[in-house]
Amino acid sequence: MQIERRLGSSPRARKQCLTEANCPDIFELTDGRFLIIGADVTADAKSILPEDAGIGPNERAVIVGREVLTDARSDIPSS
């Protein structure tokens, strides 16, 4: 697994990572997948997911703030 590039601004540029905590981020990997750093909300998310969705044993649900995703919008590839 290798990072190709960051999508959007760095957490420090968004003034979200002034310490070692609260550093949400989005990266595109060289294989086309995305690495997302956010708050782990897996336990809470399981009870609100629709019936046709699930979180596998090797998966985690994470939350990133709206500003993280909107800041990355122009960097997200369309295909």
PDB file of N, CA and C in Angstrom:
ATOM      1  N   MET A   1       0.850  -1.169   0.000  1.00  0.00           N
ATOM      2  CA  MET A   1       0.000   0.000   0.000  1.00  0.00           C
ATOM      3  C   MET A   1       0.901   1.239   0.000  1.00  0.00           C
ATOM      4  N   GLN A   2       0.653   2.136  -0.970  1.00  0.00           N
ATOM      5  CA  GLN A   2       1.414   3.375  -1.051  1.00  0.00           C
ATOM      6  C   GLN A   2       0.484   4.538  -1.376  1.00  0.00           C
ATOM      7  N   ILE A   3       0.793   5.687  -0.820  1.00  0.00           N
ATOM      8  CA  ILE A   3      -0.006   6.884  -1.064  1.00  0.00           C
ATOM      9  C   ILE A   3       0.434   7.529  -2.369  1.00  0.00           C
ATOM     10  N   GLU A   4      -0.545   7.801  -3.217  1.00  0.00           N
ATOM     11  CA  GLU A   4      -0.308   8.513  -4.472  1.00  0.00           C
ATOM     12  C   GLU A   4      -0.342  10.025  -4.225  1.00  0.00           C
ATOM     13  N   ARG A   5      -1.402  10.469  -3.495  1.00  0.00           N
ATOM     14  CA  ARG A   5      -1.552  11.903  -3.238  1.00  0.00           C
ATOM     15  C   ARG A   5      -2.607  12.158  -2.174  1.00  0.00           C
ATOM     16  N   ARG A   6      -2.553  13.335  -1.603  1.00  0.00           N
ATOM     17  CA  ARG A   6      -3.570  13.791  -0.638  1.00  0.00           C
ATOM     18  C   ARG A   6      -4.687  14.455  -1.428  1.00  0.00           C
ATOM     19  N   LEU A   7      -5.914  14.239  -0.994  1.00  0.00           N
ATOM     20  CA  LEU A   7      -7.053  14.926  -1.591  1.00  0.00           C
ATOM     21  C   LEU A   7      -7.431  16.085  -0.674  1.00  0.00           C
ATOM     22  N   GLY A   8      -7.435  17.282  -1.205  1.00  0.00           N
ATOM     23  CA  GLY A   8      -7.738  18.459  -0.414  1.00  0.00           C
ATOM     24  C   GLY A   8      -6.515  18.952   0.348  1.00  0.00           C
ATOM     25  N   SER A   9      -6.760  19.874   1.243  1.00  0.00           N
ATOM     26  CA  SER A   9      -5.689  20.487   2.037  1.00  0.00           C
ATOM     27  C   SER A   9      -5.294  19.594   3.198  1.00  0.00           C
ATOM     28  N   SER A  10      -4.115  19.833   3.740  1.00  0.00           N
ATOM     29  CA  SER A  10      -3.674  19.083   4.912  1.00  0.00           C
ATOM     30  C   SER A  10      -4.489  19.511   6.134  1.00  0.00           C
ATOM     31  N   PRO A  11      -4.580  18.644   7.144  1.00  0.00           N
ATOM     32  CA  PRO A  11      -5.298  19.021   8.358  1.00  0.00           C
ATOM     33  C   PRO A  11      -4.733  20.297   8.995  1.00  0.00           C
ATOM     34  N   ARG A  12      -3.433  20.470   8.938  1.00  0.00           N
ATOM     35  CA  ARG A  12      -2.841  21.700   9.505  1.00  0.00           C
ATOM     36  C   ARG A  12      -3.291  22.927   8.735  1.00  0.00           C
ATOM     37  N   ALA A  13      -3.382  22.813   7.420  1.00  0.00           N
ATOM     38  CA  ALA A  13      -3.849  23.944   6.604  1.00  0.00           C
ATOM     39  C   ALA A  13      -5.305  24.269   6.908  1.00  0.00           C
ATOM     40  N   ARG A  14      -6.099  23.223   7.249  1.00  0.00           N
ATOM     41  CA  ARG A  14      -7.499  23.443   7.623  1.00  0.00           C
ATOM     42  C   ARG A  14      -7.621  23.812   9.094  1.00  0.00           C
ATOM     43  N   LYS A  15      -6.479  23.919   9.778  1.00  0.00           N
ATOM     44  CA  LYS A  15      -6.414  24.234  11.211  1.00  0.00           C
ATOM     45  C   LYS A  15      -7.174  23.208  12.056  1.00  0.00           C
ATOM     46  N   GLN A  16      -7.039  21.922  11.664  1.00  0.00           N
ATOM     47  CA  GLN A  16      -7.691  20.842  12.394  1.00  0.00           C
ATOM     48  C   GLN A  16      -6.697  19.956  13.122  1.00  0.00           C
ATOM     49  N   CYS A  17      -5.433  20.121  12.874  1.00  0.00           N
ATOM     50  CA  CYS A  17      -4.450  19.218  13.467  1.00  0.00           C
ATOM     51  C   CYS A  17      -3.339  20.026  14.107  1.00  0.00           C
ATOM     52  N   LEU A  18      -3.646  20.656  15.196  1.00  0.00           N
ATOM     53  CA  LEU A  18      -2.651  21.459  15.881  1.00  0.00           C
ATOM     54  C   LEU A  18      -1.913  20.633  16.918  1.00  0.00           C
ATOM     55  N   THR A  19      -2.435  19.441  17.204  1.00  0.00           N
ATOM     56  CA  THR A  19      -1.788  18.492  18.105  1.00  0.00           C
ATOM     57  C   THR A  19      -1.750  17.151  17.385  1.00  0.00           C
ATOM     58  N   GLU A  20      -1.496  16.079  18.109  1.00  0.00           N
ATOM     59  CA  GLU A  20      -1.491  14.743  17.493  1.00  0.00           C
ATOM     60  C   GLU A  20      -2.901  14.166  17.352  1.00  0.00           C
ATOM     61  N   ALA A  21      -3.916  14.900  17.766  1.00  0.00           N
ATOM     62  CA  ALA A  21      -5.294  14.408  17.701  1.00  0.00           C
ATOM     63  C   ALA A  21      -6.095  15.220  16.685  1.00  0.00           C
ATOM     64  N   ASN A  22      -7.202  14.656  16.259  1.00  0.00           N
ATOM     65  CA  ASN A  22      -8.149  15.329  15.369  1.00  0.00           C
ATOM     66  C   ASN A  22      -7.493  15.744  14.053  1.00  0.00           C
ATOM     67  N   CYS A  23      -6.971  14.757  13.335  1.00  0.00           N
ATOM     68  CA  CYS A  23      -6.286  15.026  12.064  1.00  0.00           C
ATOM     69  C   CYS A  23      -6.957  14.279  10.910  1.00  0.00           C
ATOM     70  N   PRO A  24      -8.250  14.515  10.640  1.00  0.00           N
ATOM     71  CA  PRO A  24      -8.909  13.805   9.548  1.00  0.00           C
ATOM     72  C   PRO A  24      -8.243  14.135   8.214  1.00  0.00           C
ATOM     73  N   ASP A  25      -8.173  13.128   7.346  1.00  0.00           N
ATOM     74  CA  ASP A  25      -7.462  13.309   6.084  1.00  0.00           C
ATOM     75  C   ASP A  25      -7.963  12.290   5.065  1.00  0.00           C
ATOM     76  N   ILE A  26      -7.753  12.572   3.789  1.00  0.00           N
ATOM     77  CA  ILE A  26      -8.137  11.659   2.709  1.00  0.00           C
ATOM     78  C   ILE A  26      -6.965  11.538   1.747  1.00  0.00           C
ATOM     79  N   PHE A  27      -6.593  10.298   1.427  1.00  0.00           N
ATOM     80  CA  PHE A  27      -5.501  10.029   0.499  1.00  0.00           C
ATOM     81  C   PHE A  27      -5.965   9.072  -0.592  1.00  0.00           C
ATOM     82  N   GLU A  28      -5.455   9.270  -1.801  1.00  0.00           N
ATOM     83  CA  GLU A  28      -5.658   8.298  -2.872  1.00  0.00           C
ATOM     84  C   GLU A  28      -4.432   7.408  -2.887  1.00  0.00           C
ATOM     85  N   LEU A  29      -4.658   6.090  -2.955  1.00  0.00           N
ATOM     86  CA  LEU A  29      -3.563   5.133  -2.988  1.00  0.00           C
ATOM     87  C   LEU A  29      -3.173   4.833  -4.429  1.00  0.00           C
ATOM     88  N   THR A  30      -1.993   4.283  -4.617  1.00  0.00           N
ATOM     89  CA  THR A  30      -1.504   4.000  -5.969  1.00  0.00           C
ATOM     90  C   THR A  30      -2.371   2.983  -6.709  1.00  0.00           C
ATOM     91  N   ASP A  31      -3.121   2.157  -5.966  1.00  0.00           N
ATOM     92  CA  ASP A  31      -3.987   1.172  -6.622  1.00  0.00           C
ATOM     93  C   ASP A  31      -5.398   1.694  -6.872  1.00  0.00           C
ATOM     94  N   GLY A  32      -5.639   2.998  -6.607  1.00  0.00           N
ATOM     95  CA  GLY A  32      -6.940   3.603  -6.876  1.00  0.00           C
ATOM     96  C   GLY A  32      -7.893   3.620  -5.696  1.00  0.00           C
ATOM     97  N   ARG A  33      -7.560   2.900  -4.627  1.00  0.00           N
ATOM     98  CA  ARG A  33      -8.406   2.938  -3.429  1.00  0.00           C
ATOM     99  C   ARG A  33      -8.119   4.219  -2.659  1.00  0.00           C
ATOM    100  N   PHE A  34      -8.934   4.469  -1.610  1.00  0.00           N
ATOM    101  CA  PHE A  34      -8.779   5.662  -0.803  1.00  0.00           C
ATOM    102  C   PHE A  34      -8.550   5.288   0.649  1.00  0.00           C
ATOM    103  N   LEU A  35      -7.651   6.004   1.288  1.00  0.00           N
ATOM    104  CA  LEU A  35      -7.368   5.855   2.709  1.00  0.00           C
ATOM    105  C   LEU A  35      -7.969   7.076   3.398  1.00  0.00           C
ATOM    106  N   ILE A  36      -8.870   6.838   4.348  1.00  0.00           N
ATOM    107  CA  ILE A  36      -9.534   7.937   5.047  1.00  0.00           C
ATOM    108  C   ILE A  36      -9.219   7.841   6.530  1.00  0.00           C
ATOM    109  N   ILE A  37      -8.719   8.933   7.085  1.00  0.00           N
ATOM    110  CA  ILE A  37      -8.455   9.018   8.520  1.00  0.00           C
ATOM    111  C   ILE A  37      -9.590   9.820   9.141  1.00  0.00           C
ATOM    112  N   GLY A  38     -10.272   9.198  10.079  1.00  0.00           N
ATOM    113  CA  GLY A  38     -11.385   9.861  10.750  1.00  0.00           C
ATOM    114  C   GLY A  38     -11.666   9.192  12.077  1.00  0.00           C
ATOM    115  N   ALA A  39     -12.665   9.668  12.758  1.00  0.00           N
ATOM    116  CA  ALA A  39     -13.045   9.112  14.053  1.00  0.00           C
ATOM    117  C   ALA A  39     -13.729   7.762  13.854  1.00  0.00           C
ATOM    118  N   ASP A  40     -13.277   6.734  14.556  1.00  0.00           N
ATOM    119  CA  ASP A  40     -13.869   5.391  14.471  1.00  0.00           C
ATOM    120  C   ASP A  40     -15.219   5.403  15.184  1.00  0.00           C
ATOM    121  N   VAL A  41     -16.278   5.213  14.408  1.00  0.00           N
ATOM    122  CA  VAL A  41     -17.638   5.191  14.967  1.00  0.00           C
ATOM    123  C   VAL A  41     -18.331   3.861  14.665  1.00  0.00           C
ATOM    124  N   THR A  42     -17.533   2.821  14.472  1.00  0.00           N
ATOM    125  CA  THR A  42     -18.057   1.519  14.070  1.00  0.00           C
ATOM    126  C   THR A  42     -19.152   1.020  14.992  1.00  0.00           C
ATOM    127  N   ALA A  43     -18.920   1.049  16.277  1.00  0.00           N
ATOM    128  CA  ALA A  43     -19.904   0.519  17.232  1.00  0.00           C
ATOM    129  C   ALA A  43     -21.234   1.266  17.135  1.00  0.00           C
ATOM    130  N   ASP A  44     -21.183   2.564  17.031  1.00  0.00           N
ATOM    131  CA  ASP A  44     -22.411   3.363  16.945  1.00  0.00           C
ATOM    132  C   ASP A  44     -23.086   3.239  15.587  1.00  0.00           C
ATOM    133  N   ALA A  45     -22.303   3.109  14.525  1.00  0.00           N
ATOM    134  CA  ALA A  45     -22.845   3.074  13.172  1.00  0.00           C
ATOM    135  C   ALA A  45     -23.617   1.793  12.878  1.00  0.00           C
ATOM    136  N   LYS A  46     -23.220   0.687  13.483  1.00  0.00           N
ATOM    137  CA  LYS A  46     -23.874  -0.596  13.182  1.00  0.00           C
ATOM    138  C   LYS A  46     -25.379  -0.548  13.418  1.00  0.00           C
ATOM    139  N   SER A  47     -25.804   0.152  14.427  1.00  0.00           N
ATOM    140  CA  SER A  47     -27.237   0.174  14.760  1.00  0.00           C
ATOM    141  C   SER A  47     -28.050   1.104  13.860  1.00  0.00           C
ATOM    142  N   ILE A  48     -27.409   1.957  13.082  1.00  0.00           N
ATOM    143  CA  ILE A  48     -28.171   2.884  12.239  1.00  0.00           C
ATOM    144  C   ILE A  48     -28.057   2.574  10.748  1.00  0.00           C
ATOM    145  N   LEU A  49     -27.273   1.569  10.396  1.00  0.00           N
ATOM    146  CA  LEU A  49     -27.113   1.227   8.986  1.00  0.00           C
ATOM    147  C   LEU A  49     -28.394   0.647   8.400  1.00  0.00           C
ATOM    148  N   PRO A  50     -28.648   0.897   7.122  1.00  0.00           N
ATOM    149  CA  PRO A  50     -29.800   0.268   6.475  1.00  0.00           C
ATOM    150  C   PRO A  50     -29.622  -1.253   6.438  1.00  0.00           C
ATOM    151  N   GLU A  51     -30.690  -1.950   6.219  1.00  0.00           N
ATOM    152  CA  GLU A  51     -30.688  -3.411   6.242  1.00  0.00           C
ATOM    153  C   GLU A  51     -29.725  -4.019   5.222  1.00  0.00           C
ATOM    154  N   ASP A  52     -29.531  -3.343   4.102  1.00  0.00           N
ATOM    155  CA  ASP A  52     -28.672  -3.900   3.051  1.00  0.00           C
ATOM    156  C   ASP A  52     -27.223  -3.422   3.141  1.00  0.00           C
ATOM    157  N   ALA A  53     -26.811  -2.907   4.295  1.00  0.00           N
ATOM    158  CA  ALA A  53     -25.434  -2.458   4.508  1.00  0.00           C
ATOM    159  C   ALA A  53     -24.867  -3.164   5.727  1.00  0.00           C
ATOM    160  N   GLY A  54     -23.563  -3.289   5.762  1.00  0.00           N
ATOM    161  CA  GLY A  54     -22.932  -3.931   6.904  1.00  0.00           C
ATOM    162  C   GLY A  54     -21.474  -3.521   7.020  1.00  0.00           C
ATOM    163  N   ILE A  55     -20.895  -3.799   8.168  1.00  0.00           N
ATOM    164  CA  ILE A  55     -19.485  -3.516   8.416  1.00  0.00           C
ATOM    165  C   ILE A  55     -18.827  -4.852   8.705  1.00  0.00           C
ATOM    166  N   GLY A  56     -17.926  -5.258   7.807  1.00  0.00           N
ATOM    167  CA  GLY A  56     -17.254  -6.541   7.950  1.00  0.00           C
ATOM    168  C   GLY A  56     -16.269  -6.552   9.103  1.00  0.00           C
ATOM    169  N   PRO A  57     -15.803  -7.734   9.484  1.00  0.00           N
ATOM    170  CA  PRO A  57     -14.883  -7.857  10.614  1.00  0.00           C
ATOM    171  C   PRO A  57     -13.571  -7.094  10.429  1.00  0.00           C
ATOM    172  N   ASN A  58     -13.160  -6.891   9.195  1.00  0.00           N
ATOM    173  CA  ASN A  58     -11.917  -6.148   8.935  1.00  0.00           C
ATOM    174  C   ASN A  58     -12.172  -4.711   8.492  1.00  0.00           C
ATOM    175  N   GLU A  59     -13.396  -4.223   8.688  1.00  0.00           N
ATOM    176  CA  GLU A  59     -13.765  -2.876   8.271  1.00  0.00           C
ATOM    177  C   GLU A  59     -14.109  -2.013   9.483  1.00  0.00           C
ATOM    178  N   ARG A  60     -13.981  -0.706   9.320  1.00  0.00           N
ATOM    179  CA  ARG A  60     -14.355   0.262  10.346  1.00  0.00           C
ATOM    180  C   ARG A  60     -15.119   1.385   9.676  1.00  0.00           C
ATOM    181  N   ALA A  61     -16.118   1.906  10.348  1.00  0.00           N
ATOM    182  CA  ALA A  61     -16.836   3.094   9.886  1.00  0.00           C
ATOM    183  C   ALA A  61     -16.163   4.301  10.520  1.00  0.00           C
ATOM    184  N   VAL A  62     -15.835   5.271   9.693  1.00  0.00           N
ATOM    185  CA  VAL A  62     -15.202   6.487  10.210  1.00  0.00           C
ATOM    186  C   VAL A  62     -16.010   7.707   9.776  1.00  0.00           C
ATOM    187  N   ILE A  63     -15.894   8.744  10.564  1.00  0.00           N
ATOM    188  CA  ILE A  63     -16.536  10.015  10.248  1.00  0.00           C
ATOM    189  C   ILE A  63     -15.459  11.057  10.043  1.00  0.00           C
ATOM    190  N   VAL A  64     -15.635  11.833   8.973  1.00  0.00           N
ATOM    191  CA  VAL A  64     -14.814  13.025   8.768  1.00  0.00           C
ATOM    192  C   VAL A  64     -15.780  14.194   8.661  1.00  0.00           C
ATOM    193  N   GLY A  65     -15.342  15.339   9.093  1.00  0.00           N
ATOM    194  CA  GLY A  65     -16.195  16.523   9.028  1.00  0.00           C
ATOM    195  C   GLY A  65     -16.511  16.929   7.595  1.00  0.00           C
ATOM    196  N   ARG A  66     -17.593  17.609   7.433  1.00  0.00           N
ATOM    197  CA  ARG A  66     -18.032  18.073   6.121  1.00  0.00           C
ATOM    198  C   ARG A  66     -16.929  18.861   5.409  1.00  0.00           C
ATOM    199  N   GLU A  67     -16.210  19.706   6.159  1.00  0.00           N
ATOM    200  CA  GLU A  67     -15.182  20.547   5.552  1.00  0.00           C
ATOM    201  C   GLU A  67     -14.048  19.724   4.950  1.00  0.00           C
ATOM    202  N   VAL A  68     -13.790  18.547   5.511  1.00  0.00           N
ATOM    203  CA  VAL A  68     -12.737  17.680   4.972  1.00  0.00           C
ATOM    204  C   VAL A  68     -13.130  17.193   3.580  1.00  0.00           C
ATOM    205  N   LEU A  69     -14.350  16.717   3.446  1.00  0.00           N
ATOM    206  CA  LEU A  69     -14.809  16.188   2.166  1.00  0.00           C
ATOM    207  C   LEU A  69     -15.034  17.295   1.140  1.00  0.00           C
ATOM    208  N   THR A  70     -15.622  18.409   1.540  1.00  0.00           N
ATOM    209  CA  THR A  70     -15.844  19.486   0.577  1.00  0.00           C
ATOM    210  C   THR A  70     -14.521  20.095   0.120  1.00  0.00           C
ATOM    211  N   ASP A  71     -13.523  20.142   1.004  1.00  0.00           N
ATOM    212  CA  ASP A  71     -12.212  20.642   0.626  1.00  0.00           C
ATOM    213  C   ASP A  71     -11.538  19.709  -0.387  1.00  0.00           C
ATOM    214  N   ALA A  72     -11.821  18.416  -0.303  1.00  0.00           N
ATOM    215  CA  ALA A  72     -11.219  17.426  -1.198  1.00  0.00           C
ATOM    216  C   ALA A  72     -12.000  17.268  -2.507  1.00  0.00           C
ATOM    217  N   ARG A  73     -13.178  17.835  -2.583  1.00  0.00           N
ATOM    218  CA  ARG A  73     -14.077  17.624  -3.733  1.00  0.00           C
ATOM    219  C   ARG A  73     -13.390  17.796  -5.077  1.00  0.00           C
ATOM    220  N   SER A  74     -12.641  18.854  -5.265  1.00  0.00           N
ATOM    221  CA  SER A  74     -12.044  19.108  -6.584  1.00  0.00           C
ATOM    222  C   SER A  74     -10.924  18.117  -6.918  1.00  0.00           C
ATOM    223  N   ASP A  75     -10.406  17.413  -5.913  1.00  0.00           N
ATOM    224  CA  ASP A  75      -9.328  16.432  -6.136  1.00  0.00           C
ATOM    225  C   ASP A  75      -9.847  15.013  -6.342  1.00  0.00           C
ATOM    226  N   ILE A  76     -11.131  14.771  -6.121  1.00  0.00           N
ATOM    227  CA  ILE A  76     -11.686  13.426  -6.253  1.00  0.00           C
ATOM    228  C   ILE A  76     -11.897  13.110  -7.737  1.00  0.00           C
ATOM    229  N   PRO A  77     -11.262  12.050  -8.226  1.00  0.00           N
ATOM    230  CA  PRO A  77     -11.395  11.724  -9.639  1.00  0.00           C
ATOM    231  C   PRO A  77     -12.815  11.255  -9.974  1.00  0.00           C
ATOM    232  N   SER A  78     -13.246  11.508 -11.197  1.00  0.00           N
ATOM    233  CA  SER A  78     -14.592  11.104 -11.605  1.00  0.00           C
ATOM    234  C   SER A  78     -14.638   9.642 -12.026  1.00  0.00           C
ATOM    235  N   SER A  79     -13.496   9.034 -12.293  1.00  0.00           N
ATOM    236  CA  SER A  79     -13.488   7.609 -12.644  1.00  0.00           C
ATOM    237  C   SER A  79     -12.233   6.950 -12.143  1.00  0.00           C
TER     238      SER A  79
END
